[in-house]
C-alpha atoms as a PDB file:
ATOM      1  CA  MET A   1      39.204 210.925-168.196  1.00  0.00           C
ATOM      2  CA  MET A   2      36.725 209.569-165.937  1.00  0.00           C
ATOM      3  CA  SER A   3      36.864 206.574-164.688  1.00  0.00           C
ATOM      4  CA  ALA A   4      33.727 204.537-164.946  1.00  0.00           C
ATOM      5  CA  HIS A   5      32.688 204.987-161.184  1.00  0.00           C
ATOM      6  CA  ASP A   6      32.337 209.021-161.964  1.00  0.00           C
ATOM      7  CA  GLN A   7      30.785 208.352-165.333  1.00  0.00           C
ATOM      8  CA  ASN A   8      28.279 206.713-163.727  1.00  0.00           C
ATOM      9  CA  HIS A   9      28.042 208.413-160.832  1.00  0.00           C
ATOM     10  CA  GLN A  10      27.060 210.925-163.373  1.00  0.00           C
ATOM     11  CA  SER A  11      24.091 209.223-165.492  1.00  0.00           C
ATOM     12  CA  ASN A  12      22.921 208.119-162.026  1.00  0.00           C
ATOM     13  CA  ASN A  13      22.313 211.574-160.725  1.00  0.00           C
ATOM     14  CA  ALA A  14      20.701 212.609-164.145  1.00  0.00           C
ATOM     15  CA  ASN A  15      18.460 209.793-163.818  1.00  0.00           C
ATOM     16  CA  SER A  16      15.735 211.290-161.598  1.00  0.00           C
ATOM     17  CA  ASP A  17      12.612 209.628-162.359  1.00  0.00           C
ATOM     18  CA  GLU A  18      11.140 208.134-159.266  1.00  0.00           C
ATOM     19  CA  ASN A  19       9.684 205.264-160.821  1.00  0.00           C
ATOM     20  CA  THR A  20      13.129 203.708-162.242  1.00  0.00           C
ATOM     21  CA  THR A  21      16.255 202.418-160.510  1.00  0.00           C
ATOM     22  CA  HIS A  22      19.751 201.011-161.686  1.00  0.00           C
ATOM     23  CA  PHE A  23      20.398 197.549-162.399  1.00  0.00           C
ATOM     24  CA  GLY A  24      24.634 197.520-162.743  1.00  0.00           C
ATOM     25  CA  PHE A  25      24.232 200.003-165.724  1.00  0.00           C
ATOM     26  CA  GLN A  26      20.802 199.681-166.832  1.00  0.00           C
ATOM     27  CA  THR A  27      18.230 201.564-165.977  1.00  0.00           C
ATOM     28  CA  VAL A  28      14.920 199.528-165.131  1.00  0.00           C
ATOM     29  CA  ASP A  29      11.368 200.072-163.875  1.00  0.00           C
ATOM     30  CA  LYS A  30      12.024 199.862-159.982  1.00  0.00           C
ATOM     31  CA  THR A  31       9.406 197.350-159.938  1.00  0.00           C
ATOM     32  CA  GLU A  32      12.028 194.626-161.938  1.00  0.00           C
ATOM     33  CA  LYS A  33      15.211 195.389-159.866  1.00  0.00           C
ATOM     34  CA  GLU A  34      14.382 192.968-156.829  1.00  0.00           C
ATOM     35  CA  SER A  35      13.442 190.019-159.335  1.00  0.00           C
ATOM     36  CA  LYS A  36      16.687 190.888-161.555  1.00  0.00           C
ATOM     37  CA  VAL A  37      18.844 190.582-158.390  1.00  0.00           C
ATOM     38  CA  ALA A  38      16.945 187.724-156.975  1.00  0.00           C
ATOM     39  CA  GLY A  39      18.317 185.956-160.670  1.00  0.00           C
ATOM     40  CA  VAL A  40      21.332 186.446-159.938  1.00  0.00           C
ATOM     41  CA  PHE A  41      21.691 185.596-156.246  1.00  0.00           C
ATOM     42  CA  HIS A  42      20.004 182.245-157.237  1.00  0.00           C
ATOM     43  CA  SER A  43      22.325 181.568-159.910  1.00  0.00           C
ATOM     44  CA  VAL A  44      25.270 181.971-157.938  1.00  0.00           C
ATOM     45  CA  ALA A  45      24.708 181.099-154.822  1.00  0.00           C
ATOM     46  CA  GLN A  46      26.372 177.366-154.498  1.00  0.00           C
ATOM     47  CA  GLN A  47      29.504 179.212-155.351  1.00  0.00           C
ATOM     48  CA  TYR A  48      29.268 182.434-153.758  1.00  0.00           C
ATOM     49  CA  ASP A  49      31.628 181.607-150.821  1.00  0.00           C
ATOM     50  CA  VAL A  50      34.224 180.328-153.370  1.00  0.00           C
ATOM     51  CA  MET A  51      33.697 182.903-155.660  1.00  0.00           C
ATOM     52  CA  ASN A  52      34.207 185.388-153.007  1.00  0.00           C
ATOM     53  CA  ASP A  53      37.709 183.756-152.093  1.00  0.00           C
ATOM     54  CA  LEU A  54      38.670 183.886-155.718  1.00  0.00           C
ATOM     55  CA  MET A  55      37.340 187.431-156.300  1.00  0.00           C
ATOM     56  CA  SER A  56      38.866 189.221-153.188  1.00  0.00           C
ATOM     57  CA  PHE A  57      41.978 187.112-152.897  1.00  0.00           C
ATOM     58  CA  GLY A  58      40.469 185.574-149.541  1.00  0.00           C
ATOM     59  CA  ILE A  59      40.545 189.725-148.089  1.00  0.00           C
ATOM     60  CA  HIS A  60      36.854 189.677-147.744  1.00  0.00           C
ATOM     61  CA  ARG A  61      37.674 187.589-144.259  1.00  0.00           C
ATOM     62  CA  LEU A  62      40.042 190.576-142.972  1.00  0.00           C
ATOM     63  CA  TRP A  63      37.027 192.891-143.846  1.00  0.00           C
ATOM     64  CA  LYS A  64      34.272 190.622-141.957  1.00  0.00           C
ATOM     65  CA  ARG A  65      36.382 190.089-139.048  1.00  0.00           C
ATOM     66  CA  PHE A  66      37.101 194.386-138.586  1.00  0.00           C
ATOM     67  CA  THR A  67      33.382 194.723-139.052  1.00  0.00           C
ATOM     68  CA  ILE A  68      33.100 191.950-135.924  1.00  0.00           C
ATOM     69  CA  ASP A  69      35.389 194.045-134.231  1.00  0.00           C
ATOM     70  CA  ALA A  70      34.247 197.233-134.852  1.00  0.00           C
ATOM     71  CA  SER A  71      30.580 196.369-133.644  1.00  0.00           C
ATOM     72  CA  GLY A  72      31.061 196.304-130.069  1.00  0.00           C
ATOM     73  CA  VAL A  73      29.496 193.004-129.654  1.00  0.00           C
ATOM     74  CA  ARG A  74      28.848 191.145-126.471  1.00  0.00           C
ATOM     75  CA  PRO A  75      27.224 188.365-124.718  1.00  0.00           C
ATOM     76  CA  GLY A  76      23.113 188.696-124.867  1.00  0.00           C
ATOM     77  CA  ASN A  77      23.117 191.616-127.785  1.00  0.00           C
ATOM     78  CA  LYS A  78      20.675 190.972-130.179  1.00  0.00           C
ATOM     79  CA  VAL A  79      21.975 191.014-133.541  1.00  0.00           C
ATOM     80  CA  LEU A  80      20.589 191.451-137.152  1.00  0.00           C
ATOM     81  CA  ASP A  81      22.676 190.469-139.988  1.00  0.00           C
ATOM     82  CA  LEU A  82      20.699 191.708-142.719  1.00  0.00           C
ATOM     83  CA  ALA A  83      21.749 190.206-146.281  1.00  0.00           C
ATOM     84  CA  GLY A  84      23.417 188.001-144.512  1.00  0.00           C
ATOM     85  CA  GLY A  85      23.850 185.620-147.166  1.00  0.00           C
ATOM     86  CA  THR A  86      25.873 182.566-146.630  1.00  0.00           C
ATOM     87  CA  GLY A  87      26.693 183.268-142.771  1.00  0.00           C
ATOM     88  CA  ASP A  88      30.101 184.429-142.274  1.00  0.00           C
ATOM     89  CA  LEU A  89      28.837 186.996-139.901  1.00  0.00           C
ATOM     90  CA  THR A  90      26.281 185.284-138.416  1.00  0.00           C
ATOM     91  CA  ALA A  91      28.425 182.318-137.660  1.00  0.00           C
ATOM     92  CA  LYS A  92      31.116 184.649-135.328  1.00  0.00           C
ATOM     93  CA  PHE A  93      28.185 186.611-133.593  1.00  0.00           C
ATOM     94  CA  SER A  94      26.945 183.290-133.114  1.00  0.00           C
ATOM     95  CA  GLN A  95      29.548 182.659-130.858  1.00  0.00           C
ATOM     96  CA  LEU A  96      30.145 186.158-129.565  1.00  0.00           C
ATOM     97  CA  VAL A  97      26.612 186.627-128.053  1.00  0.00           C
ATOM     98  CA  GLY A  98      26.269 183.010-126.176  1.00  0.00           C
ATOM     99  CA  ARG A  99      23.412 181.645-124.908  1.00  0.00           C
ATOM    100  CA  GLU A 100      21.728 184.435-124.130  1.00  0.00           C
ATOM    101  CA  GLY A 101      21.891 185.926-126.972  1.00  0.00           C
ATOM    102  CA  LYS A 102      20.577 185.678-130.148  1.00  0.00           C
ATOM    103  CA  VAL A 103      21.298 186.342-134.196  1.00  0.00           C
ATOM    104  CA  ILE A 104      18.930 186.876-137.048  1.00  0.00           C
ATOM    105  CA  LEU A 105      20.421 185.793-140.196  1.00  0.00           C
ATOM    106  CA  ALA A 106      17.768 187.657-143.156  1.00  0.00           C
ATOM    107  CA  ASP A 107      18.026 187.581-146.455  1.00  0.00           C
ATOM    108  CA  ILE A 108      15.651 188.410-149.287  1.00  0.00           C
ATOM    109  CA  ASN A 109      17.043 185.414-151.307  1.00  0.00           C
ATOM    110  CA  SER A 110      16.218 182.063-150.646  1.00  0.00           C
ATOM    111  CA  SER A 111      18.714 180.306-152.300  1.00  0.00           C
ATOM    112  CA  MET A 112      21.436 182.203-150.508  1.00  0.00           C
ATOM    113  CA  LEU A 113      19.159 181.697-147.187  1.00  0.00           C
ATOM    114  CA  ASN A 114      19.508 177.634-147.692  1.00  0.00           C
ATOM    115  CA  VAL A 115      23.360 177.537-148.379  1.00  0.00           C
ATOM    116  CA  GLY A 116      23.597 180.091-145.369  1.00  0.00           C
ATOM    117  CA  ARG A 117      21.292 177.794-143.160  1.00  0.00           C
ATOM    118  CA  ASP A 118      23.316 174.007-144.460  1.00  0.00           C
ATOM    119  CA  LYS A 119      26.644 175.895-143.865  1.00  0.00           C
ATOM    120  CA  LEU A 120      26.016 176.745-140.145  1.00  0.00           C
ATOM    121  CA  ARG A 121      23.914 173.887-139.203  1.00  0.00           C
ATOM    122  CA  ASP A 122      26.961 172.075-140.324  1.00  0.00           C
ATOM    123  CA  ARG A 123      29.445 173.751-138.247  1.00  0.00           C
ATOM    124  CA  GLY A 124      27.204 172.995-135.072  1.00  0.00           C
ATOM    125  CA  LEU A 125      25.733 176.095-134.979  1.00  0.00           C
ATOM    126  CA  VAL A 126      22.029 176.197-133.916  1.00  0.00           C
ATOM    127  CA  GLN A 127      21.250 177.347-130.905  1.00  0.00           C
ATOM    128  CA  ASN A 128      20.859 180.801-131.290  1.00  0.00           C
ATOM    129  CA  ILE A 129      20.366 181.571-134.606  1.00  0.00           C
ATOM    130  CA  GLU A 130      16.947 182.019-136.568  1.00  0.00           C
ATOM    131  CA  TYR A 131      16.576 182.407-140.622  1.00  0.00           C
ATOM    132  CA  VAL A 132      14.142 184.973-141.835  1.00  0.00           C
ATOM    133  CA  GLN A 133      13.731 185.370-145.563  1.00  0.00           C
ATOM    134  CA  ALA A 134      13.084 189.422-145.184  1.00  0.00           C
ATOM    135  CA  ASN A 135      13.362 192.533-147.683  1.00  0.00           C
ATOM    136  CA  ALA A 136      15.182 195.463-146.074  1.00  0.00           C
ATOM    137  CA  GLN A 137      13.083 198.316-147.023  1.00  0.00           C
ATOM    138  CA  TYR A 138      10.423 196.331-145.405  1.00  0.00           C
ATOM    139  CA  LEU A 139      12.100 194.518-142.122  1.00  0.00           C
ATOM    140  CA  PRO A 140       9.244 192.372-140.265  1.00  0.00           C
ATOM    141  CA  PHE A 141      10.825 192.825-136.682  1.00  0.00           C
ATOM    142  CA  GLU A 142       8.837 195.463-134.246  1.00  0.00           C
ATOM    143  CA  ASP A 143      10.262 198.467-133.712  1.00  0.00           C
ATOM    144  CA  ASN A 144      13.347 199.278-131.099  1.00  0.00           C
ATOM    145  CA  THR A 145      14.387 194.816-131.189  1.00  0.00           C
ATOM    146  CA  PHE A 146      18.158 194.632-132.035  1.00  0.00           C
ATOM    147  CA  ASP A 147      21.560 196.008-130.553  1.00  0.00           C
ATOM    148  CA  ILE A 148      23.469 195.606-133.673  1.00  0.00           C
ATOM    149  CA  VAL A 149      22.547 195.428-136.895  1.00  0.00           C
ATOM    150  CA  THR A 150      24.931 194.810-140.039  1.00  0.00           C
ATOM    151  CA  ILE A 151      24.803 194.300-143.644  1.00  0.00           C
ATOM    152  CA  ALA A 152      27.860 192.825-145.982  1.00  0.00           C
ATOM    153  CA  PHE A 153      27.952 193.799-149.543  1.00  0.00           C
ATOM    154  CA  GLY A 154      24.408 194.167-149.722  1.00  0.00           C
ATOM    155  CA  LEU A 155      22.864 197.432-149.623  1.00  0.00           C
ATOM    156  CA  ARG A 156      24.163 197.757-152.926  1.00  0.00           C
ATOM    157  CA  ASN A 157      21.590 195.433-154.631  1.00  0.00           C
ATOM    158  CA  VAL A 158      18.830 196.945-152.438  1.00  0.00           C
ATOM    159  CA  THR A 159      16.377 199.287-154.724  1.00  0.00           C
ATOM    160  CA  ASP A 160      15.241 201.918-152.383  1.00  0.00           C
ATOM    161  CA  LYS A 161      18.674 202.238-149.930  1.00  0.00           C
ATOM    162  CA  ASP A 162      17.037 205.483-148.018  1.00  0.00           C
ATOM    163  CA  MET A 163      14.367 203.398-147.520  1.00  0.00           C
ATOM    164  CA  ALA A 164      15.904 200.330-145.859  1.00  0.00           C
ATOM    165  CA  LEU A 165      18.285 202.965-144.230  1.00  0.00           C
ATOM    166  CA  ARG A 166      14.964 204.056-142.286  1.00  0.00           C
ATOM    167  CA  SER A 167      13.544 200.533-142.159  1.00  0.00           C
ATOM    168  CA  ILE A 168      17.010 199.359-140.415  1.00  0.00           C
ATOM    169  CA  PHE A 169      16.581 202.662-137.556  1.00  0.00           C
ATOM    170  CA  ARG A 170      13.273 201.466-136.855  1.00  0.00           C
ATOM    171  CA  VAL A 171      14.156 198.352-135.947  1.00  0.00           C
ATOM    172  CA  LEU A 172      17.391 199.175-133.763  1.00  0.00           C
ATOM    173  CA  LYS A 173      16.951 199.846-130.014  1.00  0.00           C
ATOM    174  CA  PRO A 174      18.281 203.667-128.324  1.00  0.00           C
ATOM    175  CA  GLY A 175      22.054 203.019-128.299  1.00  0.00           C
ATOM    176  CA  GLY A 176      21.890 200.438-131.044  1.00  0.00           C
ATOM    177  CA  ARG A 177      24.277 200.756-133.994  1.00  0.00           C
ATOM    178  CA  LEU A 178      23.962 200.289-137.884  1.00  0.00           C
ATOM    179  CA  LEU A 179      27.929 198.737-139.245  1.00  0.00           C
ATOM    180  CA  VAL A 180      27.388 198.716-143.193  1.00  0.00           C
ATOM    181  CA  LEU A 181      30.202 196.930-145.330  1.00  0.00           C
ATOM    182  CA  GLU A 182      30.258 197.535-148.525  1.00  0.00           C
ATOM    183  CA  PHE A 183      32.605 197.991-151.675  1.00  0.00           C
ATOM    184  CA  SER A 184      32.929 201.910-152.052  1.00  0.00           C
ATOM    185  CA  LYS A 185      35.350 204.406-154.147  1.00  0.00           C
ATOM    186  CA  PRO A 186      38.957 203.418-154.242  1.00  0.00           C
ATOM    187  CA  GLU A 187      41.020 207.002-152.679  1.00  0.00           C
ATOM    188  CA  HIS A 188      43.669 206.781-155.594  1.00  0.00           C
ATOM    189  CA  GLU A 189      43.086 206.833-158.777  1.00  0.00           C
ATOM    190  CA  LEU A 190      45.522 204.225-160.273  1.00  0.00           C
ATOM    191  CA  VAL A 191      44.020 201.494-157.845  1.00  0.00           C
ATOM    192  CA  ASN A 192      40.458 203.082-159.312  1.00  0.00           C
ATOM    193  CA  LYS A 193      42.057 202.234-163.050  1.00  0.00           C
ATOM    194  CA  ALA A 194      43.280 198.930-161.861  1.00  0.00           C
ATOM    195  CA  TYR A 195      40.010 197.694-160.292  1.00  0.00           C
ATOM    196  CA  ASP A 196      38.068 199.085-163.044  1.00  0.00           C
ATOM    197  CA  PHE A 197      40.424 196.978-165.147  1.00  0.00           C
ATOM    198  CA  TYR A 198      39.925 193.859-162.826  1.00  0.00           C
ATOM    199  CA  SER A 199      35.903 194.219-162.753  1.00  0.00           C
ATOM    200  CA  PHE A 200      35.260 194.158-166.082  1.00  0.00           C
ATOM    201  CA  ASN A 201      37.673 192.193-167.486  1.00  0.00           C
ATOM    202  CA  ILE A 202      38.517 189.646-165.185  1.00  0.00           C
ATOM    203  CA  LEU A 203      35.827 189.534-162.954  1.00  0.00           C
ATOM    204  CA  PRO A 204      33.294 187.972-164.998  1.00  0.00           C
ATOM    205  CA  LYS A 205      35.621 185.268-167.115  1.00  0.00           C
ATOM    206  CA  MET A 206      36.226 184.138-163.371  1.00  0.00           C
ATOM    207  CA  GLY A 207      32.189 184.111-162.809  1.00  0.00           C
ATOM    208  CA  GLU A 208      32.090 182.163-166.395  1.00  0.00           C
ATOM    209  CA  PHE A 209      34.687 179.573-165.376  1.00  0.00           C
ATOM    210  CA  VAL A 210      33.907 178.893-161.863  1.00  0.00           C
ATOM    211  CA  ALA A 211      30.229 179.727-160.991  1.00  0.00           C
ATOM    212  CA  LYS A 212      29.359 179.213-164.858  1.00  0.00           C
ATOM    213  CA  ASP A 213      27.701 182.748-164.860  1.00  0.00           C
ATOM    214  CA  GLY A 214      29.560 185.661-166.603  1.00  0.00           C
ATOM    215  CA  ASP A 215      26.506 188.013-166.570  1.00  0.00           C
ATOM    216  CA  SER A 216      25.658 187.980-163.052  1.00  0.00           C
ATOM    217  CA  TYR A 217      29.498 188.436-162.338  1.00  0.00           C
ATOM    218  CA  GLN A 218      29.382 191.462-164.910  1.00  0.00           C
ATOM    219  CA  TYR A 219      26.121 193.189-163.229  1.00  0.00           C
ATOM    220  CA  LEU A 220      27.837 192.616-159.202  1.00  0.00           C
ATOM    221  CA  ALA A 221      30.738 194.605-161.169  1.00  0.00           C
ATOM    222  CA  GLU A 222      28.817 197.113-162.282  1.00  0.00           C
ATOM    223  CA  SER A 223      26.555 197.378-159.207  1.00  0.00           C
ATOM    224  CA  ILE A 224      29.601 197.859-157.102  1.00  0.00           C
ATOM    225  CA  ARG A 225      30.242 201.099-159.805  1.00  0.00           C
ATOM    226  CA  MET A 226      26.936 202.530-159.143  1.00  0.00           C
ATOM    227  CA  HIS A 227      27.057 202.493-155.232  1.00  0.00           C
ATOM    228  CA  PRO A 228      26.878 205.766-153.556  1.00  0.00           C
ATOM    229  CA  ASP A 229      30.707 206.513-152.718  1.00  0.00           C
ATOM    230  CA  GLN A 230      31.750 207.320-149.057  1.00  0.00           C
ATOM    231  CA  GLU A 231      30.727 210.687-148.078  1.00  0.00           C
ATOM    232  CA  THR A 232      27.078 210.416-149.919  1.00  0.00           C
ATOM    233  CA  LEU A 233      26.587 207.021-148.300  1.00  0.00           C
ATOM    234  CA  LYS A 234      27.456 208.701-144.806  1.00  0.00           C
ATOM    235  CA  SER A 235      24.860 211.596-146.176  1.00  0.00           C
ATOM    236  CA  MET A 236      22.515 209.123-146.297  1.00  0.00           C
ATOM    237  CA  MET A 237      22.743 207.302-143.103  1.00  0.00           C
ATOM    238  CA  ASP A 238      22.554 211.104-141.514  1.00  0.00           C
ATOM    239  CA  ASN A 239      19.219 211.292-143.137  1.00  0.00           C
ATOM    240  CA  ALA A 240      17.535 208.038-142.250  1.00  0.00           C
ATOM    241  CA  GLY A 241      18.082 209.451-138.664  1.00  0.00           C
ATOM    242  CA  PHE A 242      21.603 207.926-137.567  1.00  0.00           C
ATOM    243  CA  GLU A 243      23.719 210.215-135.484  1.00  0.00           C
ATOM    244  CA  GLN A 244      27.851 210.327-135.108  1.00  0.00           C
ATOM    245  CA  THR A 245      27.944 208.941-138.340  1.00  0.00           C
ATOM    246  CA  SER A 246      31.534 207.849-139.800  1.00  0.00           C
ATOM    247  CA  TYR A 247      33.495 205.571-141.832  1.00  0.00           C
ATOM    248  CA  LYS A 248      36.907 203.465-142.349  1.00  0.00           C
ATOM    249  CA  ASN A 249      38.526 203.049-145.622  1.00  0.00           C
ATOM    250  CA  LEU A 250      39.761 199.427-145.930  1.00  0.00           C
ATOM    251  CA  THR A 251      42.500 198.023-148.886  1.00  0.00           C
ATOM    252  CA  GLY A 252      42.522 201.817-149.926  1.00  0.00           C
ATOM    253  CA  GLY A 253      38.753 202.662-149.864  1.00  0.00           C
ATOM    254  CA  VAL A 254      38.167 200.054-152.395  1.00  0.00           C
ATOM    255  CA  VAL A 255      35.876 198.660-149.519  1.00  0.00           C
ATOM    256  CA  ALA A 256      34.501 200.921-146.414  1.00  0.00           C
ATOM    257  CA  LEU A 257      33.086 200.148-143.187  1.00  0.00           C
ATOM    258  CA  HIS A 258      30.395 203.126-142.661  1.00  0.00           C
ATOM    259  CA  LYS A 259      29.104 202.838-138.885  1.00  0.00           C
ATOM    260  CA  GLY A 260      25.889 204.680-137.321  1.00  0.00           C
ATOM    261  CA  TYR A 261      24.114 205.404-133.931  1.00  0.00           C
ATOM    262  CA  LYS A 262      20.406 205.235-132.671  1.00  0.00           C
ATOM    263  CA  PHE A 263      20.080 207.581-129.960  1.00  0.00           C
END
């Protein structure tokens, strides 16, 4: 019997109409997806951090710390935290790049960006952070701008992932690196089954109770299943021009960290 992940990858592959895409398990017109995703994140922005801790039992903090460590960030670097949301990675990068460096927290969603900006300012992090509302597919930055680009739990919400990867490649400096932290395909079938049960039975109820929005968390669970698996995403990064691409499974493949370089 196929898991939900495998079934939906089949439907994903079967859907070859280039004018449509997936919003969770629904097939929607590409022009609709952006506004639908926006609705989800406008709805959950205020409770986003609380829900992240609850949903992952706090483990998302370890995944993000691993990403920072893998980034090789140094003082003076210029970093783009794409789909940076409420600013967890930006906060740490800001401390590590120092006065000579710069971190841009970019998100397509104004509500998420506002929550992130308020949170970081409350923590006194102001000197080297800029905030930009931006679509990953059309990054408003010059070629060869950043030493590091990260996108954590954001790529699966992008309408055209291939286009976004090419856009990221363009704005990276030669020698720069991309890190994609995203939910992925668990390595073991037992974990996969437990993960499916948790995602579709518990997560939406948690979203209803805490964020008063079960539907958005149903979408988030579905969007995880529709996201390319580890090898597929690695191939997509190769096709966008990245070299020495690799990935590391975290928590049994529930999450994976992909890395690629621009030379």
